[in-house]
Amino acid sequence: MNYAIFGGSKGIGYAVAEQLLQEGHTVWVYSRSGSGPAGAHSIVWDAENEGLPADLPAELHGVVYSPGSINLKPFRGLKLEDFQKDLAVNFFGAVKALQTCLPSLKAVPAASVVLFSTVAVAQGMPFHASIASAKGAIEGLVRSLAAELAPSIRVNAVAPSLVNTPLAARLLSTPEKVEASGKRHPLQRVGESSDIANAVSFLLNPSNSWITGQILAVDGGMSSLKLG
């Protein structure tokens, strides 16, 4: 099967691409660096600054859009440009990617799209106004497209909590920070890229074809459980 991964040069996107390759699929990776796991077709594309992606395969069984940002500031310190940047990377980039991929997704009998939200949309967290707003837009897009594109294309999202990736390096830069962040979660650890990649693979898999319009929380219990 053919899959396109946007933002697959590192972190969660890289882990998803690597897992799909190990399963024997053909993978196209689009990223600013133009790099990806060995065996992937790696293409340069910048979600924030470039137009529509090029060099798409004629048929796509799945699309994953994983570029993201972690912009944590008090609301009073956020500028309009901060909101615009988070929307550009997280939301408008996804719109561009999906509009371009749509003909290739429609060329197969059944396809799957997976986008990314965040635990901060459902949970409500201080200093997350900009990124939570952008990811809230993603959740609205997921539900709207799931309805519009059914039954041939399923659309879902994964909503992680803090994951140990290069994007989160500033928040997890010492063992003490990793431990403190882990203790905020009922499962007492931060996430790993493989935790999220496993969830994405589940949603992409045709065996799970009765799931669409869902926001799957993969967050160590953060959004639904309260520590005693």
N, C-alpha and C. Protein backbone atom coordinates (compact mmCIF):
# COMPACT_ATOMS: atom_id res chain seq x y z
N MET A 1 0.83 -1.19 0.00
CA MET A 1 0.00 0.00 0.00
C MET A 1 0.87 1.25 0.00
N ASN A 2 0.33 2.35 -0.48
CA ASN A 2 1.05 3.62 -0.57
C ASN A 2 0.59 4.59 0.52
N TYR A 3 1.57 5.19 1.21
CA TYR A 3 1.25 6.14 2.27
C TYR A 3 2.11 7.39 2.13
N ALA A 4 1.52 8.54 2.40
CA ALA A 4 2.24 9.81 2.42
C ALA A 4 2.29 10.32 3.85
N ILE A 5 3.49 10.63 4.33
CA ILE A 5 3.69 11.14 5.67
C ILE A 5 4.25 12.56 5.57
N PHE A 6 3.53 13.52 6.06
CA PHE A 6 4.01 14.90 6.08
C PHE A 6 4.63 15.18 7.44
N GLY A 7 5.88 15.66 7.41
CA GLY A 7 6.62 15.84 8.65
C GLY A 7 7.23 14.55 9.13
N GLY A 8 7.80 13.77 8.22
CA GLY A 8 8.31 12.45 8.58
C GLY A 8 9.81 12.35 8.72
N SER A 9 10.49 13.49 8.93
CA SER A 9 11.95 13.44 9.03
C SER A 9 12.45 13.17 10.44
N LYS A 10 11.58 13.33 11.45
CA LYS A 10 11.99 13.09 12.83
C LYS A 10 10.75 12.92 13.70
N GLY A 11 10.97 12.55 14.95
CA GLY A 11 9.88 12.46 15.91
C GLY A 11 8.80 11.47 15.54
N ILE A 12 7.57 11.86 15.79
CA ILE A 12 6.43 10.96 15.58
C ILE A 12 6.28 10.60 14.11
N GLY A 13 6.38 11.57 13.20
CA GLY A 13 6.25 11.28 11.78
C GLY A 13 7.27 10.28 11.29
N TYR A 14 8.50 10.41 11.77
CA TYR A 14 9.56 9.46 11.42
C TYR A 14 9.20 8.06 11.91
N ALA A 15 8.71 7.97 13.15
CA ALA A 15 8.36 6.67 13.72
C ALA A 15 7.21 6.02 12.94
N VAL A 16 6.25 6.83 12.51
CA VAL A 16 5.14 6.29 11.70
C VAL A 16 5.67 5.77 10.37
N ALA A 17 6.50 6.57 9.70
CA ALA A 17 7.05 6.16 8.41
C ALA A 17 7.87 4.88 8.54
N GLU A 18 8.68 4.81 9.58
CA GLU A 18 9.51 3.64 9.81
C GLU A 18 8.67 2.39 10.04
N GLN A 19 7.60 2.54 10.81
CA GLN A 19 6.73 1.40 11.08
C GLN A 19 6.04 0.91 9.82
N LEU A 20 5.56 1.85 9.00
CA LEU A 20 4.90 1.47 7.75
C LEU A 20 5.86 0.78 6.80
N LEU A 21 7.10 1.24 6.75
CA LEU A 21 8.11 0.59 5.90
C LEU A 21 8.39 -0.82 6.38
N GLN A 22 8.47 -1.00 7.70
CA GLN A 22 8.72 -2.33 8.26
C GLN A 22 7.57 -3.29 7.94
N GLU A 23 6.37 -2.74 7.77
CA GLU A 23 5.22 -3.57 7.41
C GLU A 23 5.16 -3.87 5.92
N GLY A 24 6.11 -3.33 5.15
CA GLY A 24 6.19 -3.63 3.73
C GLY A 24 5.49 -2.64 2.82
N HIS A 25 5.06 -1.51 3.35
CA HIS A 25 4.36 -0.52 2.53
C HIS A 25 5.36 0.41 1.83
N THR A 26 4.85 1.13 0.83
CA THR A 26 5.64 2.15 0.14
C THR A 26 5.28 3.50 0.75
N VAL A 27 6.32 4.27 1.12
CA VAL A 27 6.10 5.49 1.89
C VAL A 27 6.77 6.68 1.23
N TRP A 28 6.01 7.76 1.10
CA TRP A 28 6.54 9.05 0.68
C TRP A 28 6.59 9.96 1.91
N VAL A 29 7.75 10.58 2.14
CA VAL A 29 7.94 11.45 3.29
C VAL A 29 8.19 12.88 2.79
N TYR A 30 7.40 13.84 3.29
CA TYR A 30 7.53 15.24 2.92
C TYR A 30 7.97 16.01 4.17
N SER A 31 9.10 16.73 4.05
CA SER A 31 9.60 17.47 5.21
C SER A 31 10.49 18.61 4.74
N ARG A 32 10.74 19.55 5.63
CA ARG A 32 11.60 20.69 5.31
C ARG A 32 13.02 20.26 4.96
N SER A 33 13.50 19.20 5.62
CA SER A 33 14.87 18.74 5.38
C SER A 33 14.97 17.81 4.18
N GLY A 34 13.84 17.27 3.76
CA GLY A 34 13.87 16.31 2.66
C GLY A 34 14.47 14.97 3.05
N SER A 35 14.48 14.68 4.35
CA SER A 35 15.04 13.41 4.82
C SER A 35 13.95 12.54 5.42
N GLY A 36 14.27 11.27 5.61
CA GLY A 36 13.32 10.33 6.18
C GLY A 36 14.00 9.00 6.41
N PRO A 37 13.25 8.00 6.87
CA PRO A 37 13.84 6.68 7.10
C PRO A 37 14.36 6.08 5.81
N ALA A 38 15.35 5.20 5.93
CA ALA A 38 15.88 4.49 4.77
C ALA A 38 14.76 3.70 4.09
N GLY A 39 14.68 3.84 2.78
CA GLY A 39 13.66 3.13 2.03
C GLY A 39 12.46 3.97 1.66
N ALA A 40 12.33 5.15 2.29
CA ALA A 40 11.21 6.04 1.96
C ALA A 40 11.59 6.95 0.79
N HIS A 41 10.59 7.41 0.04
CA HIS A 41 10.78 8.44 -0.97
C HIS A 41 10.72 9.78 -0.24
N SER A 42 11.85 10.44 -0.07
CA SER A 42 11.91 11.66 0.73
C SER A 42 11.92 12.90 -0.16
N ILE A 43 11.03 13.85 0.12
CA ILE A 43 10.82 15.02 -0.72
C ILE A 43 10.79 16.27 0.14
N VAL A 44 11.40 17.34 -0.33
CA VAL A 44 11.42 18.61 0.40
C VAL A 44 10.07 19.31 0.27
N TRP A 45 9.48 19.65 1.41
CA TRP A 45 8.25 20.45 1.43
C TRP A 45 8.10 21.10 2.80
N ASP A 46 7.86 22.41 2.80
CA ASP A 46 7.74 23.18 4.02
C ASP A 46 6.28 23.60 4.20
N ALA A 47 5.64 23.07 5.21
CA ALA A 47 4.21 23.33 5.43
C ALA A 47 3.92 24.81 5.61
N GLU A 48 4.87 25.54 6.19
CA GLU A 48 4.62 26.94 6.52
C GLU A 48 4.85 27.88 5.35
N ASN A 49 5.84 27.57 4.51
CA ASN A 49 6.29 28.55 3.53
C ASN A 49 6.05 28.15 2.07
N GLU A 50 5.71 26.91 1.80
CA GLU A 50 5.57 26.49 0.42
C GLU A 50 4.11 26.25 0.06
N GLY A 51 3.87 26.15 -1.25
CA GLY A 51 2.53 25.89 -1.74
C GLY A 51 2.17 24.43 -1.62
N LEU A 52 1.45 23.93 -2.58
CA LEU A 52 0.99 22.56 -2.52
C LEU A 52 2.14 21.59 -2.76
N PRO A 53 2.15 20.45 -2.08
CA PRO A 53 3.22 19.47 -2.29
C PRO A 53 3.16 18.86 -3.69
N ALA A 54 4.32 18.50 -4.19
CA ALA A 54 4.40 17.91 -5.52
C ALA A 54 4.84 16.45 -5.43
N ASP A 55 4.89 15.80 -6.58
CA ASP A 55 5.42 14.42 -6.69
C ASP A 55 4.62 13.42 -5.87
N LEU A 56 3.30 13.56 -5.85
CA LEU A 56 2.46 12.60 -5.14
C LEU A 56 2.22 11.38 -6.01
N PRO A 57 2.13 10.20 -5.41
CA PRO A 57 1.74 9.02 -6.18
C PRO A 57 0.29 9.11 -6.64
N ALA A 58 -0.04 8.41 -7.70
CA ALA A 58 -1.40 8.47 -8.25
C ALA A 58 -2.42 7.85 -7.31
N GLU A 59 -1.98 6.88 -6.49
CA GLU A 59 -2.88 6.23 -5.55
C GLU A 59 -2.29 6.29 -4.14
N LEU A 60 -3.10 6.68 -3.18
CA LEU A 60 -2.69 6.73 -1.78
C LEU A 60 -3.72 6.01 -0.92
N HIS A 61 -3.24 5.08 -0.11
CA HIS A 61 -4.12 4.38 0.82
C HIS A 61 -4.22 5.09 2.17
N GLY A 62 -3.29 6.02 2.40
CA GLY A 62 -3.35 6.76 3.65
C GLY A 62 -2.46 7.98 3.64
N VAL A 63 -2.85 8.98 4.42
CA VAL A 63 -2.09 10.21 4.58
C VAL A 63 -2.01 10.53 6.07
N VAL A 64 -0.81 10.88 6.52
CA VAL A 64 -0.60 11.30 7.91
C VAL A 64 0.05 12.68 7.87
N TYR A 65 -0.55 13.64 8.57
CA TYR A 65 0.02 14.99 8.65
C TYR A 65 0.49 15.23 10.08
N SER A 66 1.82 15.29 10.27
CA SER A 66 2.34 15.38 11.64
C SER A 66 3.14 16.64 11.98
N PRO A 67 3.38 17.60 11.07
CA PRO A 67 4.07 18.82 11.51
C PRO A 67 3.32 19.49 12.66
N GLY A 68 4.07 20.01 13.61
CA GLY A 68 3.43 20.64 14.77
C GLY A 68 4.32 21.67 15.41
N SER A 69 3.83 22.25 16.49
CA SER A 69 4.58 23.27 17.22
C SER A 69 4.19 23.21 18.68
N ILE A 70 5.09 23.67 19.53
CA ILE A 70 4.81 23.79 20.96
C ILE A 70 5.15 25.22 21.36
N ASN A 71 4.16 26.07 21.37
CA ASN A 71 4.35 27.50 21.63
C ASN A 71 3.61 27.85 22.92
N LEU A 72 4.31 27.76 24.04
CA LEU A 72 3.69 27.93 25.35
C LEU A 72 4.03 29.29 25.92
N LYS A 73 3.05 30.18 25.95
CA LYS A 73 3.24 31.53 26.47
C LYS A 73 1.97 31.98 27.18
N PRO A 74 2.08 32.90 28.13
CA PRO A 74 0.86 33.51 28.69
C PRO A 74 0.09 34.22 27.58
N PHE A 75 -1.22 34.22 27.68
CA PHE A 75 -2.05 34.84 26.64
C PHE A 75 -1.67 36.30 26.42
N ARG A 76 -1.38 37.01 27.49
CA ARG A 76 -1.05 38.43 27.36
C ARG A 76 0.25 38.66 26.57
N GLY A 77 1.09 37.63 26.52
CA GLY A 77 2.36 37.76 25.81
C GLY A 77 2.31 37.28 24.37
N LEU A 78 1.19 36.70 23.96
CA LEU A 78 1.06 36.19 22.59
C LEU A 78 0.72 37.32 21.63
N LYS A 79 1.40 37.33 20.51
CA LYS A 79 1.07 38.27 19.45
C LYS A 79 0.21 37.57 18.41
N LEU A 80 -0.47 38.36 17.60
CA LEU A 80 -1.28 37.79 16.53
C LEU A 80 -0.44 36.89 15.63
N GLU A 81 0.83 37.27 15.45
CA GLU A 81 1.73 36.47 14.61
C GLU A 81 1.94 35.07 15.19
N ASP A 82 1.91 34.94 16.52
CA ASP A 82 2.05 33.62 17.13
C ASP A 82 0.88 32.72 16.75
N PHE A 83 -0.32 33.26 16.82
CA PHE A 83 -1.50 32.49 16.42
C PHE A 83 -1.43 32.14 14.94
N GLN A 84 -1.01 33.08 14.12
CA GLN A 84 -0.93 32.85 12.68
C GLN A 84 0.10 31.78 12.35
N LYS A 85 1.22 31.80 13.03
CA LYS A 85 2.26 30.79 12.78
C LYS A 85 1.79 29.40 13.17
N ASP A 86 1.15 29.29 14.35
CA ASP A 86 0.65 27.98 14.78
C ASP A 86 -0.42 27.47 13.83
N LEU A 87 -1.28 28.35 13.36
CA LEU A 87 -2.29 27.94 12.38
C LEU A 87 -1.64 27.53 11.07
N ALA A 88 -0.61 28.25 10.64
CA ALA A 88 0.06 27.93 9.38
C ALA A 88 0.67 26.54 9.40
N VAL A 89 1.35 26.22 10.49
CA VAL A 89 2.03 24.92 10.58
C VAL A 89 1.05 23.79 10.82
N ASN A 90 0.15 23.97 11.78
CA ASN A 90 -0.70 22.87 12.24
C ASN A 90 -1.96 22.69 11.41
N PHE A 91 -2.56 23.79 10.98
CA PHE A 91 -3.87 23.71 10.32
C PHE A 91 -3.81 23.96 8.81
N PHE A 92 -3.30 25.11 8.40
CA PHE A 92 -3.31 25.42 6.98
C PHE A 92 -2.40 24.47 6.20
N GLY A 93 -1.31 24.03 6.81
CA GLY A 93 -0.47 23.03 6.16
C GLY A 93 -1.22 21.73 5.93
N ALA A 94 -2.02 21.32 6.90
CA ALA A 94 -2.83 20.11 6.75
C ALA A 94 -3.86 20.28 5.64
N VAL A 95 -4.47 21.46 5.58
CA VAL A 95 -5.46 21.72 4.53
C VAL A 95 -4.80 21.62 3.15
N LYS A 96 -3.63 22.24 2.99
CA LYS A 96 -2.93 22.18 1.71
C LYS A 96 -2.59 20.74 1.34
N ALA A 97 -2.05 20.01 2.30
CA ALA A 97 -1.66 18.63 2.03
C ALA A 97 -2.86 17.77 1.63
N LEU A 98 -3.96 17.91 2.37
CA LEU A 98 -5.12 17.06 2.09
C LEU A 98 -5.81 17.43 0.78
N GLN A 99 -5.88 18.71 0.47
CA GLN A 99 -6.49 19.09 -0.80
C GLN A 99 -5.70 18.54 -1.98
N THR A 100 -4.38 18.51 -1.84
CA THR A 100 -3.55 17.96 -2.91
C THR A 100 -3.66 16.44 -2.97
N CYS A 101 -3.75 15.80 -1.83
CA CYS A 101 -3.78 14.33 -1.78
C CYS A 101 -5.14 13.75 -2.12
N LEU A 102 -6.19 14.55 -2.09
CA LEU A 102 -7.54 14.03 -2.22
C LEU A 102 -7.76 13.19 -3.47
N PRO A 103 -7.33 13.62 -4.66
CA PRO A 103 -7.53 12.76 -5.84
C PRO A 103 -6.85 11.40 -5.71
N SER A 104 -5.66 11.36 -5.10
CA SER A 104 -4.95 10.09 -4.93
C SER A 104 -5.64 9.21 -3.89
N LEU A 105 -6.23 9.83 -2.87
CA LEU A 105 -6.99 9.06 -1.88
C LEU A 105 -8.27 8.49 -2.49
N LYS A 106 -8.91 9.28 -3.34
CA LYS A 106 -10.14 8.82 -3.98
C LYS A 106 -9.90 7.76 -5.04
N ALA A 107 -8.64 7.58 -5.45
CA ALA A 107 -8.31 6.62 -6.50
C ALA A 107 -8.28 5.19 -6.00
N VAL A 108 -8.38 4.99 -4.68
CA VAL A 108 -8.42 3.64 -4.12
C VAL A 108 -9.80 3.42 -3.50
N PRO A 109 -10.23 2.16 -3.34
CA PRO A 109 -11.58 1.88 -2.82
C PRO A 109 -11.81 2.41 -1.41
N ALA A 110 -10.77 2.37 -0.58
CA ALA A 110 -10.90 2.84 0.81
C ALA A 110 -9.57 3.40 1.25
N ALA A 111 -9.60 4.55 1.91
CA ALA A 111 -8.36 5.20 2.35
C ALA A 111 -8.56 5.78 3.75
N SER A 112 -7.45 6.16 4.37
CA SER A 112 -7.50 6.67 5.74
C SER A 112 -6.59 7.88 5.89
N VAL A 113 -7.08 8.89 6.61
CA VAL A 113 -6.32 10.09 6.92
C VAL A 113 -6.19 10.19 8.44
N VAL A 114 -4.98 10.50 8.91
CA VAL A 114 -4.76 10.70 10.34
C VAL A 114 -4.07 12.06 10.55
N LEU A 115 -4.69 12.90 11.34
CA LEU A 115 -4.14 14.20 11.70
C LEU A 115 -3.79 14.19 13.19
N PHE A 116 -3.27 15.33 13.69
CA PHE A 116 -2.86 15.38 15.09
C PHE A 116 -3.48 16.56 15.81
N SER A 117 -4.08 16.27 16.96
CA SER A 117 -4.54 17.29 17.88
C SER A 117 -3.60 17.29 19.09
N THR A 118 -4.09 17.68 20.23
CA THR A 118 -3.31 17.68 21.47
C THR A 118 -4.25 17.52 22.65
N VAL A 119 -3.73 16.97 23.73
CA VAL A 119 -4.51 16.83 24.95
C VAL A 119 -5.01 18.18 25.45
N ALA A 120 -4.31 19.27 25.09
CA ALA A 120 -4.66 20.59 25.59
C ALA A 120 -5.98 21.12 25.03
N VAL A 121 -6.50 20.51 23.97
CA VAL A 121 -7.81 20.93 23.46
C VAL A 121 -8.91 20.45 24.40
N ALA A 122 -8.89 19.19 24.77
CA ALA A 122 -9.92 18.63 25.64
C ALA A 122 -9.71 18.98 27.11
N GLN A 123 -8.45 19.10 27.52
CA GLN A 123 -8.15 19.27 28.93
C GLN A 123 -8.24 20.72 29.38
N GLY A 124 -7.80 21.64 28.57
CA GLY A 124 -7.73 23.03 28.99
C GLY A 124 -6.52 23.26 29.87
N MET A 125 -5.47 23.84 29.32
CA MET A 125 -4.22 24.02 30.05
C MET A 125 -3.74 25.46 29.93
N PRO A 126 -3.18 26.03 30.99
CA PRO A 126 -2.66 27.39 30.89
C PRO A 126 -1.48 27.46 29.92
N PHE A 127 -1.34 28.62 29.30
CA PHE A 127 -0.23 28.92 28.38
C PHE A 127 -0.32 28.17 27.05
N HIS A 128 -1.45 27.54 26.77
CA HIS A 128 -1.63 26.78 25.53
C HIS A 128 -2.60 27.44 24.56
N ALA A 129 -2.92 28.72 24.75
CA ALA A 129 -3.99 29.34 23.95
C ALA A 129 -3.74 29.25 22.46
N SER A 130 -2.52 29.49 22.02
CA SER A 130 -2.24 29.52 20.59
C SER A 130 -2.27 28.12 19.97
N ILE A 131 -1.53 27.19 20.56
CA ILE A 131 -1.47 25.85 19.98
C ILE A 131 -2.80 25.11 20.14
N ALA A 132 -3.47 25.30 21.28
CA ALA A 132 -4.76 24.63 21.48
C ALA A 132 -5.80 25.15 20.48
N SER A 133 -5.72 26.43 20.15
CA SER A 133 -6.64 26.99 19.15
C SER A 133 -6.40 26.36 17.79
N ALA A 134 -5.13 26.23 17.41
CA ALA A 134 -4.81 25.63 16.11
C ALA A 134 -5.22 24.17 16.06
N LYS A 135 -4.98 23.44 17.14
CA LYS A 135 -5.35 22.03 17.16
C LYS A 135 -6.86 21.85 17.29
N GLY A 136 -7.53 22.81 17.94
CA GLY A 136 -8.99 22.77 17.96
C GLY A 136 -9.56 22.87 16.56
N ALA A 137 -8.91 23.68 15.71
CA ALA A 137 -9.32 23.77 14.32
C ALA A 137 -9.14 22.43 13.61
N ILE A 138 -8.07 21.72 13.95
CA ILE A 138 -7.85 20.38 13.38
C ILE A 138 -8.99 19.44 13.76
N GLU A 139 -9.43 19.49 15.00
CA GLU A 139 -10.52 18.60 15.43
C GLU A 139 -11.81 18.90 14.67
N GLY A 140 -12.07 20.18 14.44
CA GLY A 140 -13.24 20.52 13.63
C GLY A 140 -13.11 20.03 12.20
N LEU A 141 -11.91 20.15 11.64
CA LEU A 141 -11.65 19.66 10.28
C LEU A 141 -11.85 18.15 10.19
N VAL A 142 -11.36 17.43 11.18
CA VAL A 142 -11.50 15.97 11.20
C VAL A 142 -12.96 15.56 11.12
N ARG A 143 -13.79 16.15 11.96
CA ARG A 143 -15.20 15.74 12.00
C ARG A 143 -15.93 16.15 10.72
N SER A 144 -15.62 17.32 10.21
CA SER A 144 -16.27 17.78 8.99
C SER A 144 -15.89 16.90 7.80
N LEU A 145 -14.58 16.64 7.63
CA LEU A 145 -14.14 15.83 6.50
C LEU A 145 -14.58 14.38 6.64
N ALA A 146 -14.62 13.87 7.87
CA ALA A 146 -15.09 12.49 8.07
C ALA A 146 -16.51 12.34 7.55
N ALA A 147 -17.34 13.34 7.79
CA ALA A 147 -18.72 13.30 7.29
C ALA A 147 -18.77 13.48 5.78
N GLU A 148 -17.98 14.41 5.28
CA GLU A 148 -18.03 14.73 3.85
C GLU A 148 -17.45 13.63 2.97
N LEU A 149 -16.40 12.98 3.43
CA LEU A 149 -15.68 12.01 2.59
C LEU A 149 -16.12 10.57 2.81
N ALA A 150 -16.98 10.32 3.78
CA ALA A 150 -17.50 8.96 3.99
C ALA A 150 -18.34 8.56 2.77
N PRO A 151 -18.37 7.27 2.42
CA PRO A 151 -17.74 6.14 3.13
C PRO A 151 -16.37 5.75 2.61
N SER A 152 -15.84 6.43 1.58
CA SER A 152 -14.63 5.93 0.95
C SER A 152 -13.35 6.34 1.67
N ILE A 153 -13.37 7.47 2.40
CA ILE A 153 -12.16 7.93 3.09
C ILE A 153 -12.48 8.17 4.57
N ARG A 154 -11.74 7.49 5.44
CA ARG A 154 -11.90 7.70 6.88
C ARG A 154 -10.95 8.80 7.35
N VAL A 155 -11.41 9.63 8.28
CA VAL A 155 -10.60 10.74 8.78
C VAL A 155 -10.66 10.73 10.31
N ASN A 156 -9.49 10.61 10.94
CA ASN A 156 -9.39 10.60 12.40
C ASN A 156 -8.19 11.42 12.84
N ALA A 157 -8.07 11.62 14.13
CA ALA A 157 -6.90 12.31 14.69
C ALA A 157 -6.45 11.62 15.95
N VAL A 158 -5.17 11.77 16.24
CA VAL A 158 -4.60 11.33 17.51
C VAL A 158 -4.29 12.58 18.33
N ALA A 159 -4.65 12.55 19.61
CA ALA A 159 -4.40 13.69 20.50
C ALA A 159 -3.44 13.25 21.61
N PRO A 160 -2.14 13.48 21.42
CA PRO A 160 -1.17 13.06 22.43
C PRO A 160 -1.04 14.09 23.55
N SER A 161 -0.45 13.64 24.65
CA SER A 161 0.10 14.55 25.64
C SER A 161 1.58 14.73 25.29
N LEU A 162 2.39 15.12 26.25
CA LEU A 162 3.80 15.38 25.99
C LEU A 162 4.53 14.11 25.57
N VAL A 163 5.24 14.19 24.44
CA VAL A 163 5.95 13.04 23.88
C VAL A 163 7.43 13.38 23.76
N ASN A 164 8.26 12.43 24.06
CA ASN A 164 9.71 12.62 24.03
C ASN A 164 10.22 12.65 22.59
N THR A 165 10.16 13.82 21.97
CA THR A 165 10.58 14.03 20.59
C THR A 165 11.47 15.27 20.52
N PRO A 166 12.14 15.49 19.39
CA PRO A 166 12.92 16.73 19.25
C PRO A 166 12.08 17.99 19.45
N LEU A 167 10.81 17.95 19.06
CA LEU A 167 9.94 19.12 19.23
C LEU A 167 9.78 19.50 20.70
N ALA A 168 9.82 18.50 21.57
CA ALA A 168 9.63 18.74 23.01
C ALA A 168 10.94 18.79 23.77
N ALA A 169 12.06 18.89 23.07
CA ALA A 169 13.37 18.80 23.73
C ALA A 169 13.55 19.86 24.81
N ARG A 170 13.04 21.06 24.59
CA ARG A 170 13.21 22.13 25.58
C ARG A 170 12.48 21.81 26.88
N LEU A 171 11.36 21.10 26.78
CA LEU A 171 10.57 20.76 27.96
C LEU A 171 11.09 19.52 28.68
N LEU A 172 11.93 18.74 28.01
CA LEU A 172 12.42 17.48 28.56
C LEU A 172 13.94 17.42 28.51
N SER A 173 14.58 18.53 28.78
CA SER A 173 16.02 18.66 28.55
C SER A 173 16.88 18.06 29.66
N THR A 174 16.27 17.69 30.79
CA THR A 174 17.03 17.07 31.88
C THR A 174 16.24 15.88 32.42
N PRO A 175 16.92 14.94 33.06
CA PRO A 175 16.20 13.81 33.68
C PRO A 175 15.15 14.28 34.68
N GLU A 176 15.44 15.37 35.37
CA GLU A 176 14.50 15.89 36.36
C GLU A 176 13.22 16.39 35.69
N LYS A 177 13.36 17.06 34.55
CA LYS A 177 12.18 17.52 33.81
C LYS A 177 11.37 16.35 33.27
N VAL A 178 12.05 15.32 32.78
CA VAL A 178 11.36 14.13 32.28
C VAL A 178 10.57 13.47 33.40
N GLU A 179 11.19 13.34 34.57
CA GLU A 179 10.52 12.72 35.71
C GLU A 179 9.32 13.54 36.16
N ALA A 180 9.50 14.86 36.27
CA ALA A 180 8.40 15.72 36.72
C ALA A 180 7.24 15.70 35.73
N SER A 181 7.55 15.71 34.45
CA SER A 181 6.49 15.66 33.43
C SER A 181 5.77 14.32 33.46
N GLY A 182 6.53 13.25 33.67
CA GLY A 182 5.92 11.93 33.74
C GLY A 182 4.95 11.81 34.90
N LYS A 183 5.27 12.42 36.03
CA LYS A 183 4.43 12.31 37.22
C LYS A 183 3.10 13.04 37.07
N ARG A 184 2.98 13.93 36.09
CA ARG A 184 1.71 14.61 35.85
C ARG A 184 0.69 13.69 35.18
N HIS A 185 1.15 12.55 34.68
CA HIS A 185 0.28 11.61 33.96
C HIS A 185 -0.08 10.43 34.84
N PRO A 186 -1.32 9.95 34.77
CA PRO A 186 -1.68 8.77 35.56
C PRO A 186 -0.78 7.56 35.31
N LEU A 187 -0.27 7.42 34.08
CA LEU A 187 0.62 6.29 33.79
C LEU A 187 2.07 6.59 34.12
N GLN A 188 2.32 7.77 34.72
CA GLN A 188 3.61 8.09 35.35
C GLN A 188 4.80 8.12 34.38
N ARG A 189 4.55 8.47 33.15
CA ARG A 189 5.66 8.70 32.22
C ARG A 189 5.19 9.55 31.07
N VAL A 190 6.14 10.18 30.39
CA VAL A 190 5.80 10.88 29.15
C VAL A 190 5.72 9.86 28.02
N GLY A 191 5.13 10.27 26.92
CA GLY A 191 4.98 9.37 25.79
C GLY A 191 6.27 9.23 24.99
N GLU A 192 6.34 8.18 24.22
CA GLU A 192 7.41 7.96 23.26
C GLU A 192 6.83 7.96 21.85
N SER A 193 7.66 8.24 20.87
CA SER A 193 7.18 8.27 19.49
C SER A 193 6.48 6.98 19.09
N SER A 194 6.99 5.85 19.59
CA SER A 194 6.40 4.56 19.24
C SER A 194 4.98 4.43 19.79
N ASP A 195 4.68 5.05 20.94
CA ASP A 195 3.32 5.00 21.48
C ASP A 195 2.34 5.63 20.50
N ILE A 196 2.73 6.75 19.92
CA ILE A 196 1.84 7.46 19.00
C ILE A 196 1.82 6.78 17.64
N ALA A 197 2.97 6.29 17.20
CA ALA A 197 3.03 5.60 15.91
C ALA A 197 2.14 4.36 15.91
N ASN A 198 2.08 3.66 17.03
CA ASN A 198 1.21 2.48 17.12
C ASN A 198 -0.26 2.86 16.95
N ALA A 199 -0.65 3.99 17.54
CA ALA A 199 -2.03 4.44 17.41
C ALA A 199 -2.34 4.87 15.98
N VAL A 200 -1.40 5.55 15.34
CA VAL A 200 -1.59 5.97 13.95
C VAL A 200 -1.72 4.74 13.05
N SER A 201 -0.85 3.77 13.26
CA SER A 201 -0.90 2.54 12.46
C SER A 201 -2.24 1.84 12.62
N PHE A 202 -2.78 1.84 13.84
CA PHE A 202 -4.10 1.25 14.10
C PHE A 202 -5.18 1.95 13.28
N LEU A 203 -5.15 3.28 13.25
CA LEU A 203 -6.17 4.03 12.53
C LEU A 203 -6.02 3.90 11.01
N LEU A 204 -4.79 3.72 10.54
CA LEU A 204 -4.57 3.55 9.11
C LEU A 204 -4.98 2.16 8.62
N ASN A 205 -4.89 1.19 9.48
CA ASN A 205 -5.09 -0.20 9.08
C ASN A 205 -6.50 -0.45 8.56
N PRO A 206 -6.64 -1.03 7.36
CA PRO A 206 -7.96 -1.31 6.82
C PRO A 206 -8.79 -2.26 7.69
N SER A 207 -8.13 -3.01 8.56
CA SER A 207 -8.87 -3.91 9.46
C SER A 207 -9.74 -3.14 10.44
N ASN A 208 -9.42 -1.86 10.64
CA ASN A 208 -10.18 -1.02 11.58
C ASN A 208 -11.02 -0.01 10.81
N SER A 209 -11.74 -0.52 9.83
CA SER A 209 -12.42 0.34 8.86
C SER A 209 -13.77 0.88 9.32
N TRP A 210 -14.15 0.63 10.58
CA TRP A 210 -15.42 1.17 11.09
C TRP A 210 -15.17 2.29 12.10
N ILE A 211 -14.05 2.98 11.91
CA ILE A 211 -13.69 4.09 12.79
C ILE A 211 -13.45 5.33 11.95
N THR A 212 -14.23 6.37 12.16
CA THR A 212 -13.99 7.64 11.48
C THR A 212 -14.57 8.78 12.30
N GLY A 213 -14.02 9.97 12.11
CA GLY A 213 -14.48 11.15 12.83
C GLY A 213 -14.11 11.16 14.30
N GLN A 214 -13.08 10.39 14.68
CA GLN A 214 -12.73 10.25 16.09
C GLN A 214 -11.44 10.98 16.43
N ILE A 215 -11.36 11.46 17.67
CA ILE A 215 -10.14 12.04 18.21
C ILE A 215 -9.64 11.06 19.28
N LEU A 216 -8.62 10.30 18.95
CA LEU A 216 -8.13 9.24 19.83
C LEU A 216 -7.10 9.81 20.81
N ALA A 217 -7.43 9.81 22.08
CA ALA A 217 -6.53 10.32 23.12
C ALA A 217 -5.47 9.27 23.43
N VAL A 218 -4.22 9.61 23.18
CA VAL A 218 -3.09 8.75 23.53
C VAL A 218 -2.19 9.61 24.40
N ASP A 219 -2.54 9.68 25.69
CA ASP A 219 -1.99 10.74 26.55
C ASP A 219 -1.65 10.28 27.96
N GLY A 220 -1.45 8.99 28.15
CA GLY A 220 -1.11 8.49 29.47
C GLY A 220 -2.21 8.69 30.50
N GLY A 221 -3.45 8.87 30.03
CA GLY A 221 -4.58 9.08 30.93
C GLY A 221 -4.83 10.53 31.32
N MET A 222 -4.02 11.44 30.78
CA MET A 222 -4.09 12.85 31.19
C MET A 222 -5.48 13.47 31.02
N SER A 223 -6.13 13.20 29.89
CA SER A 223 -7.38 13.91 29.58
C SER A 223 -8.60 13.37 30.30
N SER A 224 -8.54 12.15 30.82
CA SER A 224 -9.75 11.54 31.37
C SER A 224 -9.63 11.08 32.81
N LEU A 225 -8.44 11.06 33.37
CA LEU A 225 -8.25 10.57 34.72
C LEU A 225 -7.65 11.65 35.61
N LYS A 226 -7.99 11.61 36.87
CA LYS A 226 -7.46 12.57 37.83
C LYS A 226 -6.62 11.84 38.86
N LEU A 227 -5.40 12.30 39.05
CA LEU A 227 -4.54 11.67 40.04
C LEU A 227 -5.06 11.96 41.45
N GLY A 228 -4.99 10.95 42.33
CA GLY A 228 -5.44 11.11 43.68
C GLY A 228 -4.50 11.94 44.53
